[in-house]
PDB file of N, CA and C in Angstrom:
ATOM      1  N   MET A   1       9.431-170.562-206.262  1.00  0.00           N
ATOM      2  CA  MET A   1      10.795-170.984-206.780  1.00  0.00           C
ATOM      3  C   MET A   1      10.589-172.402-207.304  1.00  0.00           C
ATOM      4  N   LYS A   2      10.020-173.272-206.536  1.00  0.00           N
ATOM      5  CA  LYS A   2      10.065-174.650-206.887  1.00  0.00           C
ATOM      6  C   LYS A   2       9.030-174.628-207.865  1.00  0.00           C
ATOM      7  N   GLN A   3       7.708-173.988-207.998  1.00  0.00           N
ATOM      8  CA  GLN A   3       6.861-174.087-209.060  1.00  0.00           C
ATOM      9  C   GLN A   3       7.618-173.611-210.360  1.00  0.00           C
ATOM     10  N   ILE A   4       8.510-172.653-210.498  1.00  0.00           N
ATOM     11  CA  ILE A   4       9.035-172.242-211.529  1.00  0.00           C
ATOM     12  C   ILE A   4       9.965-173.564-211.999  1.00  0.00           C
ATOM     13  N   LEU A   5      10.704-174.154-211.129  1.00  0.00           N
ATOM     14  CA  LEU A   5      11.679-175.221-211.408  1.00  0.00           C
ATOM     15  C   LEU A   5      10.888-176.318-212.011  1.00  0.00           C
ATOM     16  N   GLN A   6       9.631-176.722-211.496  1.00  0.00           N
ATOM     17  CA  GLN A   6       8.672-177.863-211.835  1.00  0.00           C
ATOM     18  C   GLN A   6       8.158-177.585-213.405  1.00  0.00           C
ATOM     19  N   SER A   7       7.964-176.250-213.414  1.00  0.00           N
ATOM     20  CA  SER A   7       7.515-175.767-214.816  1.00  0.00           C
ATOM     21  C   SER A   7       8.500-175.900-215.948  1.00  0.00           C
ATOM     22  N   LEU A   8       9.710-175.594-215.601  1.00  0.00           N
ATOM     23  CA  LEU A   8      11.051-175.904-216.465  1.00  0.00           C
ATOM     24  C   LEU A   8      11.101-177.214-216.716  1.00  0.00           C
ATOM     25  N   LEU A   9      11.066-178.264-215.518  1.00  0.00           N
ATOM     26  CA  LEU A   9      11.538-179.626-215.680  1.00  0.00           C
ATOM     27  C   LEU A   9      10.170-180.239-216.633  1.00  0.00           C
ATOM     28  N   ASP A  10       9.135-179.809-216.383  1.00  0.00           N
ATOM     29  CA  ASP A  10       7.977-180.427-217.288  1.00  0.00           C
ATOM     30  C   ASP A  10       8.116-180.120-218.692  1.00  0.00           C
ATOM     31  N   LYS A  11       8.525-178.889-218.989  1.00  0.00           N
ATOM     32  CA  LYS A  11       8.686-178.404-220.441  1.00  0.00           C
ATOM     33  C   LYS A  11       9.799-179.266-220.866  1.00  0.00           C
ATOM     34  N   ALA A  12      10.852-179.350-220.283  1.00  0.00           N
ATOM     35  CA  ALA A  12      12.144-180.002-220.817  1.00  0.00           C
ATOM     36  C   ALA A  12      12.011-181.366-221.138  1.00  0.00           C
ATOM     37  N   ILE A  13      11.223-182.153-220.109  1.00  0.00           N
ATOM     38  CA  ILE A  13      10.944-183.366-220.407  1.00  0.00           C
ATOM     39  C   ILE A  13      10.003-183.562-221.582  1.00  0.00           C
ATOM     40  N   ASP A  14       8.855-182.937-221.608  1.00  0.00           N
ATOM     41  CA  ASP A  14       7.929-182.892-222.680  1.00  0.00           C
ATOM     42  C   ASP A  14       8.624-182.832-223.920  1.00  0.00           C
ATOM     43  N   GLU A  15       9.601-181.751-224.142  1.00  0.00           N
ATOM     44  CA  GLU A  15      10.109-181.325-225.411  1.00  0.00           C
ATOM     45  C   GLU A  15      11.171-182.558-225.737  1.00  0.00           C
ATOM     46  N   MET A  16      11.995-183.095-224.845  1.00  0.00           N
ATOM     47  CA  MET A  16      12.597-184.335-225.079  1.00  0.00           C
ATOM     48  C   MET A  16      11.931-185.599-225.547  1.00  0.00           C
ATOM     49  N   ILE A  17      10.893-185.789-225.001  1.00  0.00           N
ATOM     50  CA  ILE A  17       9.892-186.819-225.469  1.00  0.00           C
ATOM     51  C   ILE A  17       9.410-186.825-226.978  1.00  0.00           C
ATOM     52  N   LYS A  18       8.978-185.414-227.201  1.00  0.00           N
ATOM     53  CA  LYS A  18       8.813-185.175-228.510  1.00  0.00           C
ATOM     54  C   LYS A  18       9.821-185.145-229.477  1.00  0.00           C
ATOM     55  N   SER A  19      10.951-184.544-229.074  1.00  0.00           N
ATOM     56  CA  SER A  19      12.042-184.713-230.113  1.00  0.00           C
ATOM     57  C   SER A  19      12.728-186.137-230.240  1.00  0.00           C
ATOM     58  N   ASP A  20      12.452-186.805-229.376  1.00  0.00           N
ATOM     59  CA  ASP A  20      13.047-188.228-229.591  1.00  0.00           C
ATOM     60  C   ASP A  20      11.845-189.207-230.290  1.00  0.00           C
ATOM     61  N   GLY A  21      10.652-188.602-230.430  1.00  0.00           N
ATOM     62  CA  GLY A  21       9.671-189.410-231.197  1.00  0.00           C
ATOM     63  C   GLY A  21       9.137-190.261-230.271  1.00  0.00           C
ATOM     64  N   LEU A  22       8.970-190.024-229.029  1.00  0.00           N
ATOM     65  CA  LEU A  22       8.617-190.966-227.998  1.00  0.00           C
ATOM     66  C   LEU A  22       7.043-190.575-227.418  1.00  0.00           C
ATOM     67  N   GLU A  23       6.443-191.416-227.057  1.00  0.00           N
ATOM     68  CA  GLU A  23       5.167-191.124-226.426  1.00  0.00           C
ATOM     69  C   GLU A  23       5.216-191.462-224.750  1.00  0.00           C
ATOM     70  N   GLY A  24       4.452-190.808-224.208  1.00  0.00           N
ATOM     71  CA  GLY A  24       4.244-191.197-222.577  1.00  0.00           C
ATOM     72  C   GLY A  24       4.412-189.807-221.870  1.00  0.00           C
ATOM     73  N   SER A  25       4.280-189.952-220.533  1.00  0.00           N
ATOM     74  CA  SER A  25       4.513-188.964-219.670  1.00  0.00           C
ATOM     75  C   SER A  25       5.317-189.488-218.493  1.00  0.00           C
ATOM     76  N   VAL A  26       5.856-188.438-217.645  1.00  0.00           N
ATOM     77  CA  VAL A  26       6.541-188.878-216.635  1.00  0.00           C
ATOM     78  C   VAL A  26       5.674-188.920-215.374  1.00  0.00           C
ATOM     79  N   SER A  27       5.819-190.082-214.673  1.00  0.00           N
ATOM     80  CA  SER A  27       5.024-190.166-213.511  1.00  0.00           C
ATOM     81  C   SER A  27       5.586-189.060-212.438  1.00  0.00           C
ATOM     82  N   GLU A  28       4.872-189.055-211.319  1.00  0.00           N
ATOM     83  CA  GLU A  28       5.115-188.009-210.345  1.00  0.00           C
ATOM     84  C   GLU A  28       6.635-188.193-209.929  1.00  0.00           C
ATOM     85  N   TYR A  29       7.287-186.951-209.799  1.00  0.00           N
ATOM     86  CA  TYR A  29       8.792-186.973-209.449  1.00  0.00           C
ATOM     87  C   TYR A  29       8.862-185.951-208.324  1.00  0.00           C
ATOM     88  N   THR A  30       9.879-185.820-207.845  1.00  0.00           N
ATOM     89  CA  THR A  30      10.014-184.946-206.461  1.00  0.00           C
ATOM     90  C   THR A  30      11.266-183.898-206.957  1.00  0.00           C
ATOM     91  N   ILE A  31      10.982-182.792-206.322  1.00  0.00           N
ATOM     92  CA  ILE A  31      11.880-181.433-206.209  1.00  0.00           C
ATOM     93  C   ILE A  31      11.806-181.159-204.648  1.00  0.00           C
ATOM     94  N   GLU A  32      13.028-181.397-204.166  1.00  0.00           N
ATOM     95  CA  GLU A  32      13.303-181.213-202.690  1.00  0.00           C
ATOM     96  C   GLU A  32      14.409-180.404-202.388  1.00  0.00           C
ATOM     97  N   VAL A  33      14.528-179.870-201.186  1.00  0.00           N
ATOM     98  CA  VAL A  33      15.712-179.157-200.767  1.00  0.00           C
ATOM     99  C   VAL A  33      16.536-180.316-200.106  1.00  0.00           C
ATOM    100  N   PRO A  34      17.726-180.450-200.606  1.00  0.00           N
ATOM    101  CA  PRO A  34      18.770-181.429-200.190  1.00  0.00           C
ATOM    102  C   PRO A  34      19.123-181.098-198.700  1.00  0.00           C
ATOM    103  N   ASN A  35      19.307-182.364-197.862  1.00  0.00           N
ATOM    104  CA  ASN A  35      19.869-182.068-196.622  1.00  0.00           C
ATOM    105  C   ASN A  35      21.351-181.272-196.649  1.00  0.00           C
ATOM    106  N   ASN A  36      21.993-181.519-197.606  1.00  0.00           N
ATOM    107  CA  ASN A  36      23.416-181.137-197.690  1.00  0.00           C
ATOM    108  C   ASN A  36      23.314-179.696-198.588  1.00  0.00           C
ATOM    109  N   SER A  37      23.767-178.586-198.232  1.00  0.00           N
ATOM    110  CA  SER A  37      23.621-177.654-199.186  1.00  0.00           C
ATOM    111  C   SER A  37      24.871-177.557-200.334  1.00  0.00           C
ATOM    112  N   ASP A  38      25.718-178.490-200.108  1.00  0.00           N
ATOM    113  CA  ASP A  38      26.741-178.956-201.379  1.00  0.00           C
ATOM    114  C   ASP A  38      25.836-179.510-202.575  1.00  0.00           C
ATOM    115  N   HIS A  39      24.795-179.941-202.269  1.00  0.00           N
ATOM    116  CA  HIS A  39      24.105-180.697-203.223  1.00  0.00           C
ATOM    117  C   HIS A  39      22.942-179.754-203.999  1.00  0.00           C
ATOM    118  N   GLY A  40      23.090-178.569-203.670  1.00  0.00           N
ATOM    119  CA  GLY A  40      22.294-177.569-204.287  1.00  0.00           C
ATOM    120  C   GLY A  40      21.193-176.927-203.661  1.00  0.00           C
ATOM    121  N   ASP A  41      20.488-176.059-204.119  1.00  0.00           N
ATOM    122  CA  ASP A  41      19.205-175.465-203.469  1.00  0.00           C
ATOM    123  C   ASP A  41      17.976-176.251-203.565  1.00  0.00           C
ATOM    124  N   PHE A  42      17.857-177.061-204.643  1.00  0.00           N
ATOM    125  CA  PHE A  42      16.842-177.923-204.981  1.00  0.00           C
ATOM    126  C   PHE A  42      17.539-179.323-205.603  1.00  0.00           C
ATOM    127  N   ALA A  43      16.883-180.421-205.518  1.00  0.00           N
ATOM    128  CA  ALA A  43      17.257-181.677-206.186  1.00  0.00           C
ATOM    129  C   ALA A  43      16.189-182.248-206.671  1.00  0.00           C
ATOM    130  N   SER A  44      16.311-183.092-207.897  1.00  0.00           N
ATOM    131  CA  SER A  44      15.124-183.535-208.446  1.00  0.00           C
ATOM    132  C   SER A  44      15.602-185.074-208.907  1.00  0.00           C
ATOM    133  N   ASN A  45      14.519-186.049-208.926  1.00  0.00           N
ATOM    134  CA  ASN A  45      14.711-187.370-209.232  1.00  0.00           C
ATOM    135  C   ASN A  45      14.007-187.427-210.735  1.00  0.00           C
ATOM    136  N   ILE A  46      13.492-186.446-211.446  1.00  0.00           N
ATOM    137  CA  ILE A  46      12.731-186.479-212.558  1.00  0.00           C
ATOM    138  C   ILE A  46      13.588-187.410-213.675  1.00  0.00           C
ATOM    139  N   ALA A  47      14.939-187.617-213.627  1.00  0.00           N
ATOM    140  CA  ALA A  47      15.570-188.441-214.620  1.00  0.00           C
ATOM    141  C   ALA A  47      15.162-189.821-214.345  1.00  0.00           C
ATOM    142  N   MET A  48      15.293-190.236-213.075  1.00  0.00           N
ATOM    143  CA  MET A  48      15.046-191.545-212.698  1.00  0.00           C
ATOM    144  C   MET A  48      13.637-192.060-212.986  1.00  0.00           C
ATOM    145  N   LYS A  49      12.829-191.004-212.860  1.00  0.00           N
ATOM    146  CA  LYS A  49      11.184-191.366-212.885  1.00  0.00           C
ATOM    147  C   LYS A  49      10.911-191.434-214.581  1.00  0.00           C
ATOM    148  N   SER A  50      11.885-190.881-215.377  1.00  0.00           N
ATOM    149  CA  SER A  50      11.563-191.193-216.878  1.00  0.00           C
ATOM    150  C   SER A  50      12.460-191.887-217.519  1.00  0.00           C
ATOM    151  N   ALA A  51      13.219-192.894-216.885  1.00  0.00           N
ATOM    152  CA  ALA A  51      14.022-193.657-217.422  1.00  0.00           C
ATOM    153  C   ALA A  51      13.271-194.767-218.485  1.00  0.00           C
ATOM    154  N   LYS A  52      12.208-195.245-218.110  1.00  0.00           N
ATOM    155  CA  LYS A  52      11.417-196.261-218.854  1.00  0.00           C
ATOM    156  C   LYS A  52      10.955-195.638-219.989  1.00  0.00           C
ATOM    157  N   ILE A  53      10.590-194.461-219.993  1.00  0.00           N
ATOM    158  CA  ILE A  53      10.086-193.750-221.372  1.00  0.00           C
ATOM    159  C   ILE A  53      11.161-193.675-222.425  1.00  0.00           C
ATOM    160  N   PHE A  54      12.347-193.204-221.975  1.00  0.00           N
ATOM    161  CA  PHE A  54      13.642-193.014-222.920  1.00  0.00           C
ATOM    162  C   PHE A  54      14.218-194.336-222.940  1.00  0.00           C
ATOM    163  N   ARG A  55      14.140-195.306-222.153  1.00  0.00           N
ATOM    164  CA  ARG A  55      14.878-196.663-222.492  1.00  0.00           C
ATOM    165  C   ARG A  55      16.310-196.343-222.233  1.00  0.00           C
ATOM    166  N   THR A  56      16.646-195.668-221.375  1.00  0.00           N
ATOM    167  CA  THR A  56      18.061-195.243-221.289  1.00  0.00           C
ATOM    168  C   THR A  56      18.393-195.033-219.836  1.00  0.00           C
ATOM    169  N   LYS A  57      19.735-194.990-219.312  1.00  0.00           N
ATOM    170  CA  LYS A  57      20.214-194.744-218.032  1.00  0.00           C
ATOM    171  C   LYS A  57      19.634-193.380-217.485  1.00  0.00           C
ATOM    172  N   PRO A  58      19.291-193.480-216.221  1.00  0.00           N
ATOM    173  CA  PRO A  58      18.729-192.076-215.743  1.00  0.00           C
ATOM    174  C   PRO A  58      19.821-190.924-215.630  1.00  0.00           C
ATOM    175  N   MET A  59      21.092-191.642-215.592  1.00  0.00           N
ATOM    176  CA  MET A  59      22.184-190.451-215.661  1.00  0.00           C
ATOM    177  C   MET A  59      22.413-189.709-216.896  1.00  0.00           C
ATOM    178  N   ASP A  60      22.047-190.693-217.876  1.00  0.00           N
ATOM    179  CA  ASP A  60      22.389-190.057-219.401  1.00  0.00           C
ATOM    180  C   ASP A  60      20.986-188.819-219.498  1.00  0.00           C
ATOM    181  N   ILE A  61      19.976-189.316-218.955  1.00  0.00           N
ATOM    182  CA  ILE A  61      18.744-188.212-218.981  1.00  0.00           C
ATOM    183  C   ILE A  61      19.146-187.023-218.082  1.00  0.00           C
ATOM    184  N   ALA A  62      19.667-187.264-216.922  1.00  0.00           N
ATOM    185  CA  ALA A  62      19.939-186.027-215.951  1.00  0.00           C
ATOM    186  C   ALA A  62      20.832-185.127-216.564  1.00  0.00           C
ATOM    187  N   GLU A  63      22.119-185.790-217.348  1.00  0.00           N
ATOM    188  CA  GLU A  63      23.087-184.974-217.944  1.00  0.00           C
ATOM    189  C   GLU A  63      22.361-184.097-218.905  1.00  0.00           C
ATOM    190  N   ARG A  64      21.428-184.791-219.781  1.00  0.00           N
ATOM    191  CA  ARG A  64      20.865-184.068-220.936  1.00  0.00           C
ATOM    192  C   ARG A  64      20.209-182.801-220.478  1.00  0.00           C
ATOM    193  N   ILE A  65      19.278-182.941-219.197  1.00  0.00           N
ATOM    194  CA  ILE A  65      18.446-181.886-218.808  1.00  0.00           C
ATOM    195  C   ILE A  65      19.498-180.694-218.167  1.00  0.00           C
ATOM    196  N   ALA A  66      20.309-181.320-217.344  1.00  0.00           N
ATOM    197  CA  ALA A  66      21.307-180.413-216.684  1.00  0.00           C
ATOM    198  C   ALA A  66      21.861-179.405-217.831  1.00  0.00           C
ATOM    199  N   THR A  67      22.315-180.166-218.918  1.00  0.00           N
ATOM    200  CA  THR A  67      23.000-179.302-219.768  1.00  0.00           C
ATOM    201  C   THR A  67      22.128-178.166-220.653  1.00  0.00           C
ATOM    202  N   ASN A  68      20.724-178.745-220.950  1.00  0.00           N
ATOM    203  CA  ASN A  68      19.929-177.843-221.770  1.00  0.00           C
ATOM    204  C   ASN A  68      19.148-177.163-221.022  1.00  0.00           C
ATOM    205  N   LEU A  69      18.761-177.258-219.683  1.00  0.00           N
ATOM    206  CA  LEU A  69      17.856-176.299-218.878  1.00  0.00           C
ATOM    207  C   LEU A  69      18.409-174.998-218.532  1.00  0.00           C
ATOM    208  N   LYS A  70      18.026-173.786-219.313  1.00  0.00           N
ATOM    209  CA  LYS A  70      18.478-172.551-218.934  1.00  0.00           C
ATOM    210  C   LYS A  70      17.389-171.658-218.508  1.00  0.00           C
ATOM    211  N   HIS A  71      17.638-170.880-217.489  1.00  0.00           N
ATOM    212  CA  HIS A  71      16.754-169.935-216.998  1.00  0.00           C
ATOM    213  C   HIS A  71      17.646-168.920-216.267  1.00  0.00           C
ATOM    214  N   PRO A  72      17.218-167.845-216.225  1.00  0.00           N
ATOM    215  CA  PRO A  72      17.950-166.649-215.475  1.00  0.00           C
ATOM    216  C   PRO A  72      18.154-167.061-213.918  1.00  0.00           C
ATOM    217  N   MET A  73      17.112-167.897-213.411  1.00  0.00           N
ATOM    218  CA  MET A  73      17.082-168.273-212.002  1.00  0.00           C
ATOM    219  C   MET A  73      18.167-169.298-211.759  1.00  0.00           C
ATOM    220  N   ILE A  74      18.456-170.119-212.875  1.00  0.00           N
ATOM    221  CA  ILE A  74      19.477-171.045-212.451  1.00  0.00           C
ATOM    222  C   ILE A  74      20.941-170.736-212.676  1.00  0.00           C
ATOM    223  N   LYS A  75      21.744-170.885-211.675  1.00  0.00           N
ATOM    224  CA  LYS A  75      23.125-170.500-211.830  1.00  0.00           C
ATOM    225  C   LYS A  75      23.832-171.901-212.386  1.00  0.00           C
ATOM    226  N   LYS A  76      23.553-172.983-211.899  1.00  0.00           N
ATOM    227  CA  LYS A  76      24.048-174.278-212.297  1.00  0.00           C
ATOM    228  C   LYS A  76      23.239-175.237-212.092  1.00  0.00           C
ATOM    229  N   ALA A  77      23.383-176.381-212.862  1.00  0.00           N
ATOM    230  CA  ALA A  77      22.474-177.601-212.699  1.00  0.00           C
ATOM    231  C   ALA A  77      23.334-178.636-213.157  1.00  0.00           C
ATOM    232  N   GLU A  78      23.504-179.704-212.109  1.00  0.00           N
ATOM    233  CA  GLU A  78      24.402-180.797-212.289  1.00  0.00           C
ATOM    234  C   GLU A  78      23.933-182.094-212.123  1.00  0.00           C
ATOM    235  N   ALA A  79      24.144-183.156-212.896  1.00  0.00           N
ATOM    236  CA  ALA A  79      23.782-184.453-212.769  1.00  0.00           C
ATOM    237  C   ALA A  79      24.654-185.249-212.148  1.00  0.00           C
ATOM    238  N   VAL A  80      24.196-185.873-210.973  1.00  0.00           N
ATOM    239  CA  VAL A  80      24.825-186.698-210.109  1.00  0.00           C
ATOM    240  C   VAL A  80      24.266-188.117-209.916  1.00  0.00           C
ATOM    241  N   MET A  81      25.298-189.092-209.694  1.00  0.00           N
ATOM    242  CA  MET A  81      24.737-190.464-209.417  1.00  0.00           C
ATOM    243  C   MET A  81      23.636-190.708-208.320  1.00  0.00           C
ATOM    244  N   PRO A  82      22.749-191.390-208.698  1.00  0.00           N
ATOM    245  CA  PRO A  82      22.475-192.436-209.913  1.00  0.00           C
ATOM    246  C   PRO A  82      21.734-191.797-210.916  1.00  0.00           C
ATOM    247  N   GLY A  83      21.236-190.432-210.806  1.00  0.00           N
ATOM    248  CA  GLY A  83      20.653-189.845-211.758  1.00  0.00           C
ATOM    249  C   GLY A  83      19.733-188.443-211.267  1.00  0.00           C
ATOM    250  N   PHE A  84      20.048-188.077-210.216  1.00  0.00           N
ATOM    251  CA  PHE A  84      19.656-186.741-209.400  1.00  0.00           C
ATOM    252  C   PHE A  84      20.264-185.704-210.253  1.00  0.00           C
ATOM    253  N   ILE A  85      19.322-184.396-210.146  1.00  0.00           N
ATOM    254  CA  ILE A  85      19.865-183.288-210.820  1.00  0.00           C
ATOM    255  C   ILE A  85      19.979-182.274-209.785  1.00  0.00           C
ATOM    256  N   ASN A  86      21.005-181.712-209.291  1.00  0.00           N
ATOM    257  CA  ASN A  86      21.089-180.652-208.547  1.00  0.00           C
ATOM    258  C   ASN A  86      21.243-179.076-209.091  1.00  0.00           C
ATOM    259  N   PHE A  87      20.148-178.227-208.433  1.00  0.00           N
ATOM    260  CA  PHE A  87      20.060-177.121-208.858  1.00  0.00           C
ATOM    261  C   PHE A  87      20.650-175.974-208.134  1.00  0.00           C
ATOM    262  N   PHE A  88      21.374-175.163-208.480  1.00  0.00           N
ATOM    263  CA  PHE A  88      21.919-173.989-207.677  1.00  0.00           C
ATOM    264  C   PHE A  88      21.323-172.680-208.407  1.00  0.00           C
ATOM    265  N   TYR A  89      20.793-171.932-207.379  1.00  0.00           N
ATOM    266  CA  TYR A  89      20.014-170.664-207.719  1.00  0.00           C
ATOM    267  C   TYR A  89      21.077-169.437-207.831  1.00  0.00           C
ATOM    268  N   ARG A  90      20.774-168.422-208.851  1.00  0.00           N
ATOM    269  CA  ARG A  90      21.503-167.448-208.594  1.00  0.00           C
ATOM    270  C   ARG A  90      21.049-166.383-207.568  1.00  0.00           C
ATOM    271  N   GLN A  91      21.502-165.977-206.507  1.00  0.00           N
ATOM    272  CA  GLN A  91      21.114-165.223-205.582  1.00  0.00           C
ATOM    273  C   GLN A  91      20.657-163.755-206.147  1.00  0.00           C
ATOM    274  N   ARG A  92      21.201-163.240-206.970  1.00  0.00           N
ATOM    275  CA  ARG A  92      21.136-161.888-207.770  1.00  0.00           C
ATOM    276  C   ARG A  92      19.828-162.071-208.216  1.00  0.00           C
ATOM    277  N   PHE A  93      19.240-163.145-208.880  1.00  0.00           N
ATOM    278  CA  PHE A  93      17.945-163.194-209.428  1.00  0.00           C
ATOM    279  C   PHE A  93      16.964-162.947-208.505  1.00  0.00           C
ATOM    280  N   PHE A  94      16.885-163.357-207.351  1.00  0.00           N
ATOM    281  CA  PHE A  94      15.907-162.947-206.175  1.00  0.00           C
ATOM    282  C   PHE A  94      15.967-161.897-205.638  1.00  0.00           C
ATOM    283  N   ILE A  95      17.288-161.321-205.580  1.00  0.00           N
ATOM    284  CA  ILE A  95      17.380-159.916-205.014  1.00  0.00           C
ATOM    285  C   ILE A  95      16.836-158.856-206.093  1.00  0.00           C
ATOM    286  N   THR A  96      16.901-159.197-207.247  1.00  0.00           N
ATOM    287  CA  THR A  96      16.351-158.112-208.264  1.00  0.00           C
ATOM    288  C   THR A  96      14.647-158.320-208.485  1.00  0.00           C
ATOM    289  N   ILE A  97      14.303-159.583-208.090  1.00  0.00           N
ATOM    290  CA  ILE A  97      12.763-159.670-208.070  1.00  0.00           C
ATOM    291  C   ILE A  97      12.230-158.981-206.725  1.00  0.00           C
ATOM    292  N   TRP A  98      12.967-159.184-205.814  1.00  0.00           N
ATOM    293  CA  TRP A  98      12.637-158.613-204.330  1.00  0.00           C
ATOM    294  C   TRP A  98      12.612-157.109-204.511  1.00  0.00           C
ATOM    295  N   SER A  99      13.596-156.716-204.979  1.00  0.00           N
ATOM    296  CA  SER A  99      13.725-155.128-205.163  1.00  0.00           C
ATOM    297  C   SER A  99      12.519-154.584-205.905  1.00  0.00           C
ATOM    298  N   SER A 100      12.300-155.296-207.182  1.00  0.00           N
ATOM    299  CA  SER A 100      11.268-154.907-207.887  1.00  0.00           C
ATOM    300  C   SER A 100       9.854-154.839-207.256  1.00  0.00           C
ATOM    301  N   ARG A 101       9.601-155.945-206.602  1.00  0.00           N
ATOM    302  CA  ARG A 101       8.453-155.990-205.853  1.00  0.00           C
ATOM    303  C   ARG A 101       8.245-154.853-204.726  1.00  0.00           C
ATOM    304  N   ARG A 102       9.404-154.647-204.070  1.00  0.00           N
ATOM    305  CA  ARG A 102       9.407-153.653-202.846  1.00  0.00           C
ATOM    306  C   ARG A 102       9.216-152.372-203.643  1.00  0.00           C
ATOM    307  N   GLN A 103       9.829-151.992-204.530  1.00  0.00           N
ATOM    308  CA  GLN A 103       9.391-150.753-205.387  1.00  0.00           C
ATOM    309  C   GLN A 103       8.108-150.643-205.571  1.00  0.00           C
ATOM    310  N   ARG A 104       7.479-151.612-205.984  1.00  0.00           N
ATOM    311  CA  ARG A 104       6.062-151.503-206.568  1.00  0.00           C
ATOM    312  C   ARG A 104       5.145-151.387-205.322  1.00  0.00           C
ATOM    313  N   MET A 105       5.471-151.990-204.151  1.00  0.00           N
ATOM    314  CA  MET A 105       4.728-151.798-202.856  1.00  0.00           C
ATOM    315  C   MET A 105       4.927-150.415-202.379  1.00  0.00           C
ATOM    316  N   ILE A 106       6.170-149.771-202.441  1.00  0.00           N
ATOM    317  CA  ILE A 106       6.304-148.400-202.018  1.00  0.00           C
ATOM    318  C   ILE A 106       5.580-147.570-202.770  1.00  0.00           C
ATOM    319  N   HIS A 107       5.465-147.845-204.246  1.00  0.00           N
ATOM    320  CA  HIS A 107       4.860-146.840-205.186  1.00  0.00           C
ATOM    321  C   HIS A 107       3.369-146.943-204.913  1.00  0.00           C
ATOM    322  N   SER A 108       2.853-148.181-204.716  1.00  0.00           N
ATOM    323  CA  SER A 108       1.384-148.181-204.712  1.00  0.00           C
ATOM    324  C   SER A 108       0.940-147.707-203.243  1.00  0.00           C
ATOM    325  N   SER A 109       1.711-147.533-202.290  1.00  0.00           N
ATOM    326  CA  SER A 109       1.436-147.197-200.950  1.00  0.00           C
ATOM    327  C   SER A 109       1.392-145.707-200.714  1.00  0.00           C
ATOM    328  N   SER A 110       1.778-144.987-201.776  1.00  0.00           N
ATOM    329  CA  SER A 110       2.165-143.524-201.935  1.00  0.00           C
ATOM    330  C   SER A 110       1.080-143.018-202.908  1.00  0.00           C
ATOM    331  N   LEU A 111      -0.190-143.377-202.584  1.00  0.00           N
ATOM    332  CA  LEU A 111      -1.286-142.789-203.524  1.00  0.00           C
ATOM    333  C   LEU A 111      -1.523-141.298-203.321  1.00  0.00           C
ATOM    334  N   ILE A 112      -1.853-140.684-204.631  1.00  0.00           N
ATOM    335  CA  ILE A 112      -2.137-139.200-204.415  1.00  0.00           C
ATOM    336  C   ILE A 112      -3.507-139.097-204.556  1.00  0.00           C
ATOM    337  N   THR A 113      -4.073-138.414-203.741  1.00  0.00           N
ATOM    338  CA  THR A 113      -5.698-138.243-203.872  1.00  0.00           C
ATOM    339  C   THR A 113      -6.068-136.776-203.891  1.00  0.00           C
ATOM    340  N   VAL A 114      -6.849-136.347-204.715  1.00  0.00           N
ATOM    341  CA  VAL A 114      -7.413-134.957-204.746  1.00  0.00           C
ATOM    342  C   VAL A 114      -8.518-134.854-204.151  1.00  0.00           C
ATOM    343  N   ARG A 115      -8.602-134.039-202.942  1.00  0.00           N
ATOM    344  CA  ARG A 115      -9.901-133.687-202.316  1.00  0.00           C
ATOM    345  C   ARG A 115     -10.155-132.295-202.180  1.00  0.00           C
ATOM    346  N   THR A 116     -11.344-131.880-202.666  1.00  0.00           N
ATOM    347  CA  THR A 116     -11.754-130.566-202.819  1.00  0.00           C
ATOM    348  C   THR A 116     -10.542-129.522-203.056  1.00  0.00           C
ATOM    349  N   GLY A 117      -9.863-129.992-204.245  1.00  0.00           N
ATOM    350  CA  GLY A 117      -8.923-128.970-204.658  1.00  0.00           C
ATOM    351  C   GLY A 117      -7.583-129.032-204.092  1.00  0.00           C
ATOM    352  N   LYS A 118      -7.379-129.829-202.831  1.00  0.00           N
ATOM    353  CA  LYS A 118      -6.061-130.084-202.132  1.00  0.00           C
ATOM    354  C   LYS A 118      -5.550-131.396-202.473  1.00  0.00           C
ATOM    355  N   LEU A 119      -4.266-131.464-202.705  1.00  0.00           N
ATOM    356  CA  LEU A 119      -3.565-132.714-202.889  1.00  0.00           C
ATOM    357  C   LEU A 119      -3.265-133.497-201.496  1.00  0.00           C
ATOM    358  N   TRP A 120      -3.687-134.744-201.486  1.00  0.00           N
ATOM    359  CA  TRP A 120      -3.350-135.328-200.128  1.00  0.00           C
ATOM    360  C   TRP A 120      -2.446-136.581-200.502  1.00  0.00           C
ATOM    361  N   LEU A 121      -1.433-136.855-199.902  1.00  0.00           N
ATOM    362  CA  LEU A 121      -0.592-137.954-199.922  1.00  0.00           C
ATOM    363  C   LEU A 121      -1.004-138.964-199.084  1.00  0.00           C
ATOM    364  N   SER A 122      -1.488-140.252-199.222  1.00  0.00           N
ATOM    365  CA  SER A 122      -1.546-141.234-198.397  1.00  0.00           C
ATOM    366  C   SER A 122      -0.652-142.199-198.144  1.00  0.00           C
ATOM    367  N   SER A 123      -0.464-142.820-197.084  1.00  0.00           N
ATOM    368  CA  SER A 123       0.569-143.718-196.851  1.00  0.00           C
ATOM    369  C   SER A 123       0.253-145.152-196.630  1.00  0.00           C
TER     370      SER A 123
END
């Protein structure tokens, strides 16, 4: 989950840098689980770490990312002072993934083997 979010944020920042005609890359930023669940499932400081590249307020960058970042996993992204982005996940997204993986596991464990003309089900 965290890796998906990091990939989405990396792509968003790279696209913003290119669309603004800027050069550079964002130094290391954090994605962490907030202590308070009201602040989302994950929070990132990427906007604060990229403020020098964009030469603008971290809050403006956070709002831009939160508004434009779209993925089926993300229910809501909100920009909060001084420039954090809080991410709230769709529980249904993970339930669907878990169900799909579970079905594949069940299917792969019910192998049909043919031995000397007889059908054997292995579990």
